[in-house]
């Protein structure tokens, strides 16, 4: 079993702080929504013209 390092503890503390920050959470949700919307639009375009761009699939 791996021991939790001080760096891991610092990262966990930072993530807990971010989770408690409503502004941070809203920004993160907005970023996710933008990425998902972009992907949906991209997929819809691929369905309409039948083409796919494999290099774009790997960006996720």
PDB file of N, CA and C in Angstrom:
ATOM      1  N   UNK A   1       0.838  -1.174   0.000  1.00  0.00           N
ATOM      2  CA  UNK A   1       0.000   0.000   0.000  1.00  0.00           C
ATOM      3  C   UNK A   1       0.892   1.249   0.000  1.00  0.00           C
ATOM      4  N   UNK A   2       0.554   2.193  -0.841  1.00  0.00           N
ATOM      5  CA  UNK A   2       1.360   3.394  -1.005  1.00  0.00           C
ATOM      6  C   UNK A   2       1.099   4.381   0.131  1.00  0.00           C
ATOM      7  N   UNK A   3       2.167   4.956   0.651  1.00  0.00           N
ATOM      8  CA  UNK A   3       2.025   5.993   1.678  1.00  0.00           C
ATOM      9  C   UNK A   3       1.690   7.315   1.009  1.00  0.00           C
ATOM     10  N   UNK A   4       0.918   8.108   1.674  1.00  0.00           N
ATOM     11  CA  UNK A   4       0.551   9.423   1.160  1.00  0.00           C
ATOM     12  C   UNK A   4       1.698  10.374   1.480  1.00  0.00           C
ATOM     13  N   UNK A   5       2.245  10.975   0.431  1.00  0.00           N
ATOM     14  CA  UNK A   5       3.359  11.893   0.634  1.00  0.00           C
ATOM     15  C   UNK A   5       2.843  13.280   1.022  1.00  0.00           C
ATOM     16  N   UNK A   6       3.749  14.105   1.462  1.00  0.00           N
ATOM     17  CA  UNK A   6       3.384  15.483   1.824  1.00  0.00           C
ATOM     18  C   UNK A   6       2.852  16.228   0.597  1.00  0.00           C
ATOM     19  N   UNK A   7       3.397  15.935  -0.579  1.00  0.00           N
ATOM     20  CA  UNK A   7       2.903  16.545  -1.822  1.00  0.00           C
ATOM     21  C   UNK A   7       1.468  16.130  -2.074  1.00  0.00           C
ATOM     22  N   UNK A   8       1.165  14.846  -1.846  1.00  0.00           N
ATOM     23  CA  UNK A   8      -0.211  14.370  -2.003  1.00  0.00           C
ATOM     24  C   UNK A   8      -1.138  15.079  -1.028  1.00  0.00           C
ATOM     25  N   UNK A   9      -0.686  15.225   0.220  1.00  0.00           N
ATOM     26  CA  UNK A   9      -1.498  15.915   1.221  1.00  0.00           C
ATOM     27  C   UNK A   9      -1.762  17.355   0.809  1.00  0.00           C
ATOM     28  N   UNK A  10      -0.747  18.021   0.270  1.00  0.00           N
ATOM     29  CA  UNK A  10      -0.918  19.401  -0.193  1.00  0.00           C
ATOM     30  C   UNK A  10      -1.946  19.453  -1.324  1.00  0.00           C
ATOM     31  N   UNK A  11      -1.864  18.500  -2.223  1.00  0.00           N
ATOM     32  CA  UNK A  11      -2.794  18.458  -3.361  1.00  0.00           C
ATOM     33  C   UNK A  11      -4.226  18.204  -2.873  1.00  0.00           C
ATOM     34  N   UNK A  12      -4.362  17.303  -1.919  1.00  0.00           N
ATOM     35  CA  UNK A  12      -5.689  17.008  -1.363  1.00  0.00           C
ATOM     36  C   UNK A  12      -6.263  18.253  -0.688  1.00  0.00           C
ATOM     37  N   UNK A  13      -5.442  18.958   0.080  1.00  0.00           N
ATOM     38  CA  UNK A  13      -5.907  20.192   0.726  1.00  0.00           C
ATOM     39  C   UNK A  13      -6.341  21.222  -0.311  1.00  0.00           C
ATOM     40  N   UNK A  14      -5.578  21.356  -1.390  1.00  0.00           N
ATOM     41  CA  UNK A  14      -5.919  22.313  -2.443  1.00  0.00           C
ATOM     42  C   UNK A  14      -7.233  21.930  -3.123  1.00  0.00           C
ATOM     43  N   UNK A  15      -7.423  20.647  -3.397  1.00  0.00           N
ATOM     44  CA  UNK A  15      -8.678  20.198  -4.017  1.00  0.00           C
ATOM     45  C   UNK A  15      -9.871  20.433  -3.093  1.00  0.00           C
ATOM     46  N   UNK A  16      -9.699  20.194  -1.814  1.00  0.00           N
ATOM     47  CA  UNK A  16     -10.780  20.455  -0.855  1.00  0.00           C
ATOM     48  C   UNK A  16     -11.123  21.942  -0.828  1.00  0.00           C
ATOM     49  N   UNK A  17     -10.097  22.791  -0.894  1.00  0.00           N
ATOM     50  CA  UNK A  17     -10.335  24.234  -0.915  1.00  0.00           C
ATOM     51  C   UNK A  17     -11.117  24.620  -2.166  1.00  0.00           C
ATOM     52  N   UNK A  18     -10.743  24.039  -3.305  1.00  0.00           N
ATOM     53  CA  UNK A  18     -11.417  24.355  -4.555  1.00  0.00           C
ATOM     54  C   UNK A  18     -12.871  23.893  -4.535  1.00  0.00           C
ATOM     55  N   UNK A  19     -13.130  22.733  -3.958  1.00  0.00           N
ATOM     56  CA  UNK A  19     -14.495  22.221  -3.887  1.00  0.00           C
ATOM     57  C   UNK A  19     -15.375  23.152  -3.068  1.00  0.00           C
ATOM     58  N   UNK A  20     -14.807  23.779  -2.059  1.00  0.00           N
ATOM     59  CA  UNK A  20     -15.566  24.701  -1.205  1.00  0.00           C
ATOM     60  C   UNK A  20     -15.742  26.083  -1.835  1.00  0.00           C
ATOM     61  N   UNK A  21     -15.019  26.353  -2.910  1.00  0.00           N
ATOM     62  CA  UNK A  21     -15.057  27.669  -3.567  1.00  0.00           C
ATOM     63  C   UNK A  21     -16.133  27.652  -4.661  1.00  0.00           C
ATOM     64  N   UNK A  22     -17.262  28.290  -4.392  1.00  0.00           N
ATOM     65  CA  UNK A  22     -18.390  28.279  -5.342  1.00  0.00           C
ATOM     66  C   UNK A  22     -18.020  28.885  -6.689  1.00  0.00           C
ATOM     67  N   UNK A  23     -17.200  29.921  -6.679  1.00  0.00           N
ATOM     68  CA  UNK A  23     -16.781  30.548  -7.936  1.00  0.00           C
ATOM     69  C   UNK A  23     -15.938  29.583  -8.768  1.00  0.00           C
ATOM     70  N   UNK A  24     -15.030  28.876  -8.109  1.00  0.00           N
ATOM     71  CA  UNK A  24     -14.194  27.894  -8.804  1.00  0.00           C
ATOM     72  C   UNK A  24     -15.064  26.787  -9.402  1.00  0.00           C
ATOM     73  N   UNK A  25     -15.989  26.270  -8.597  1.00  0.00           N
ATOM     74  CA  UNK A  25     -16.866  25.211  -9.078  1.00  0.00           C
ATOM     75  C   UNK A  25     -17.694  25.664 -10.276  1.00  0.00           C
ATOM     76  N   UNK A  26     -18.236  26.870 -10.220  1.00  0.00           N
ATOM     77  CA  UNK A  26     -19.042  27.365 -11.332  1.00  0.00           C
ATOM     78  C   UNK A  26     -18.204  27.494 -12.597  1.00  0.00           C
ATOM     79  N   UNK A  27     -16.971  27.980 -12.443  1.00  0.00           N
ATOM     80  CA  UNK A  27     -16.075  28.105 -13.591  1.00  0.00           C
ATOM     81  C   UNK A  27     -15.761  26.715 -14.178  1.00  0.00           C
ATOM     82  N   UNK A  28     -15.511  25.736 -13.304  1.00  0.00           N
ATOM     83  CA  UNK A  28     -15.212  24.380 -13.764  1.00  0.00           C
ATOM     84  C   UNK A  28     -16.417  23.780 -14.497  1.00  0.00           C
ATOM     85  N   UNK A  29     -17.605  23.995 -13.967  1.00  0.00           N
ATOM     86  CA  UNK A  29     -18.824  23.495 -14.616  1.00  0.00           C
ATOM     87  C   UNK A  29     -19.012  24.154 -15.975  1.00  0.00           C
ATOM     88  N   UNK A  30     -18.774  25.465 -16.042  1.00  0.00           N
ATOM     89  CA  UNK A  30     -18.892  26.174 -17.325  1.00  0.00           C
ATOM     90  C   UNK A  30     -17.903  25.642 -18.353  1.00  0.00           C
ATOM     91  N   UNK A  31     -16.664  25.363 -17.930  1.00  0.00           N
ATOM     92  CA  UNK A  31     -15.657  24.807 -18.848  1.00  0.00           C
ATOM     93  C   UNK A  31     -16.089  23.439 -19.367  1.00  0.00           C
ATOM     94  N   UNK A  32     -16.593  22.604 -18.465  1.00  0.00           N
ATOM     95  CA  UNK A  32     -17.064  21.285 -18.892  1.00  0.00           C
ATOM     96  C   UNK A  32     -18.220  21.407 -19.877  1.00  0.00           C
ATOM     97  N   UNK A  33     -19.150  22.303 -19.600  1.00  0.00           N
ATOM     98  CA  UNK A  33     -20.297  22.497 -20.491  1.00  0.00           C
ATOM     99  C   UNK A  33     -19.832  22.963 -21.867  1.00  0.00           C
ATOM    100  N   UNK A  34     -18.852  23.853 -21.907  1.00  0.00           N
ATOM    101  CA  UNK A  34     -18.337  24.325 -23.190  1.00  0.00           C
ATOM    102  C   UNK A  34     -17.689  23.188 -23.972  1.00  0.00           C
ATOM    103  N   UNK A  35     -16.899  22.360 -23.286  1.00  0.00           N
ATOM    104  CA  UNK A  35     -16.240  21.243 -23.973  1.00  0.00           C
ATOM    105  C   UNK A  35     -17.260  20.233 -24.484  1.00  0.00           C
ATOM    106  N   UNK A  36     -18.253  19.925 -23.647  1.00  0.00           N
ATOM    107  CA  UNK A  36     -19.284  18.970 -24.067  1.00  0.00           C
ATOM    108  C   UNK A  36     -20.097  19.512 -25.237  1.00  0.00           C
ATOM    109  N   UNK A  37     -20.445  20.782 -25.176  1.00  0.00           N
ATOM    110  CA  UNK A  37     -21.193  21.398 -26.271  1.00  0.00           C
ATOM    111  C   UNK A  37     -20.377  21.356 -27.562  1.00  0.00           C
ATOM    112  N   UNK A  38     -19.098  21.681 -27.457  1.00  0.00           N
ATOM    113  CA  UNK A  38     -18.221  21.628 -28.626  1.00  0.00           C
ATOM    114  C   UNK A  38     -18.151  20.236 -29.218  1.00  0.00           C
ATOM    115  N   UNK A  39     -18.051  19.227 -28.353  1.00  0.00           N
ATOM    116  CA  UNK A  39     -18.003  17.845 -28.831  1.00  0.00           C
ATOM    117  C   UNK A  39     -19.304  17.450 -29.512  1.00  0.00           C
ATOM    118  N   UNK A  40     -20.430  17.841 -28.914  1.00  0.00           N
ATOM    119  CA  UNK A  40     -21.724  17.512 -29.516  1.00  0.00           C
ATOM    120  C   UNK A  40     -21.888  18.172 -30.880  1.00  0.00           C
ATOM    121  N   UNK A  41     -21.486  19.420 -30.982  1.00  0.00           N
ATOM    122  CA  UNK A  41     -21.569  20.135 -32.263  1.00  0.00           C
ATOM    123  C   UNK A  41     -20.656  19.473 -33.289  1.00  0.00           C
ATOM    124  N   UNK A  42     -19.462  19.110 -32.850  1.00  0.00           N
ATOM    125  CA  UNK A  42     -18.508  18.441 -33.737  1.00  0.00           C
ATOM    126  C   UNK A  42     -19.073  17.106 -34.227  1.00  0.00           C
ATOM    127  N   UNK A  43     -19.651  16.321 -33.334  1.00  0.00           N
ATOM    128  CA  UNK A  43     -20.217  15.030 -33.719  1.00  0.00           C
ATOM    129  C   UNK A  43     -21.395  15.203 -34.662  1.00  0.00           C
ATOM    130  N   UNK A  44     -22.196  16.210 -34.416  1.00  0.00           N
ATOM    131  CA  UNK A  44     -23.336  16.455 -35.298  1.00  0.00           C
ATOM    132  C   UNK A  44     -22.850  16.799 -36.705  1.00  0.00           C
ATOM    133  N   UNK A  45     -21.808  17.607 -36.794  1.00  0.00           N
ATOM    134  CA  UNK A  45     -21.227  17.938 -38.095  1.00  0.00           C
ATOM    135  C   UNK A  45     -20.673  16.715 -38.788  1.00  0.00           C
ATOM    136  N   UNK A  46     -20.068  15.811 -38.024  1.00  0.00           N
ATOM    137  CA  UNK A  46     -19.534  14.580 -38.606  1.00  0.00           C
ATOM    138  C   UNK A  46     -20.657  13.705 -39.137  1.00  0.00           C
ATOM    139  N   UNK A  47     -21.768  13.668 -38.445  1.00  0.00           N
ATOM    140  CA  UNK A  47     -22.897  12.855 -38.902  1.00  0.00           C
ATOM    141  C   UNK A  47     -23.481  13.426 -40.186  1.00  0.00           C
ATOM    142  N   UNK A  48     -23.503  14.734 -40.292  1.00  0.00           N
ATOM    143  CA  UNK A  48     -24.098  15.350 -41.469  1.00  0.00           C
ATOM    144  C   UNK A  48     -23.231  15.178 -42.710  1.00  0.00           C
ATOM    145  N   UNK A  49     -21.904  15.306 -42.556  1.00  0.00           N
ATOM    146  CA  UNK A  49     -21.062  15.200 -43.751  1.00  0.00           C
ATOM    147  C   UNK A  49     -20.363  13.845 -43.867  1.00  0.00           C
ATOM    148  N   UNK A  50     -20.511  13.005 -42.855  1.00  0.00           N
ATOM    149  CA  UNK A  50     -19.966  11.651 -42.918  1.00  0.00           C
ATOM    150  C   UNK A  50     -18.475  11.552 -42.687  1.00  0.00           C
ATOM    151  N   UNK A  51     -17.808  12.658 -42.496  1.00  0.00           N
ATOM    152  CA  UNK A  51     -16.361  12.612 -42.299  1.00  0.00           C
ATOM    153  C   UNK A  51     -16.026  12.565 -40.814  1.00  0.00           C
ATOM    154  N   UNK A  52     -14.857  12.008 -40.510  1.00  0.00           N
ATOM    155  CA  UNK A  52     -14.369  11.963 -39.138  1.00  0.00           C
ATOM    156  C   UNK A  52     -12.935  12.432 -39.139  1.00  0.00           C
ATOM    157  N   UNK A  53     -12.560  13.056 -38.062  1.00  0.00           N
ATOM    158  CA  UNK A  53     -11.181  13.519 -37.905  1.00  0.00           C
ATOM    159  C   UNK A  53     -10.594  12.805 -36.689  1.00  0.00           C
ATOM    160  N   UNK A  54      -9.865  11.692 -36.867  1.00  0.00           N
ATOM    161  CA  UNK A  54      -9.396  10.889 -35.734  1.00  0.00           C
ATOM    162  C   UNK A  54      -8.520  11.669 -34.764  1.00  0.00           C
ATOM    163  N   UNK A  55      -7.716  12.616 -35.252  1.00  0.00           N
ATOM    164  CA  UNK A  55      -6.842  13.362 -34.343  1.00  0.00           C
ATOM    165  C   UNK A  55      -7.642  14.204 -33.351  1.00  0.00           C
ATOM    166  N   UNK A  56      -8.844  14.586 -33.688  1.00  0.00           N
ATOM    167  CA  UNK A  56      -9.678  15.361 -32.769  1.00  0.00           C
ATOM    168  C   UNK A  56     -10.240  14.463 -31.670  1.00  0.00           C
ATOM    169  N   UNK A  57     -10.476  13.208 -31.967  1.00  0.00           N
ATOM    170  CA  UNK A  57     -10.992  12.274 -30.961  1.00  0.00           C
ATOM    171  C   UNK A  57      -9.996  12.098 -29.821  1.00  0.00           C
ATOM    172  N   UNK A  58      -8.710  12.261 -30.091  1.00  0.00           N
ATOM    173  CA  UNK A  58      -7.697  12.021 -29.081  1.00  0.00           C
ATOM    174  C   UNK A  58      -7.498  13.221 -28.151  1.00  0.00           C
ATOM    175  N   UNK A  59      -8.136  14.340 -28.396  1.00  0.00           N
ATOM    176  CA  UNK A  59      -7.967  15.519 -27.541  1.00  0.00           C
ATOM    177  C   UNK A  59      -8.593  15.329 -26.188  1.00  0.00           C
ATOM    178  N   UNK A  60      -9.555  14.449 -26.050  1.00  0.00           N
ATOM    179  CA  UNK A  60     -10.218  14.214 -24.772  1.00  0.00           C
ATOM    180  C   UNK A  60      -9.307  13.415 -23.939  1.00  0.00           C
TER     181      UNK A  60
END
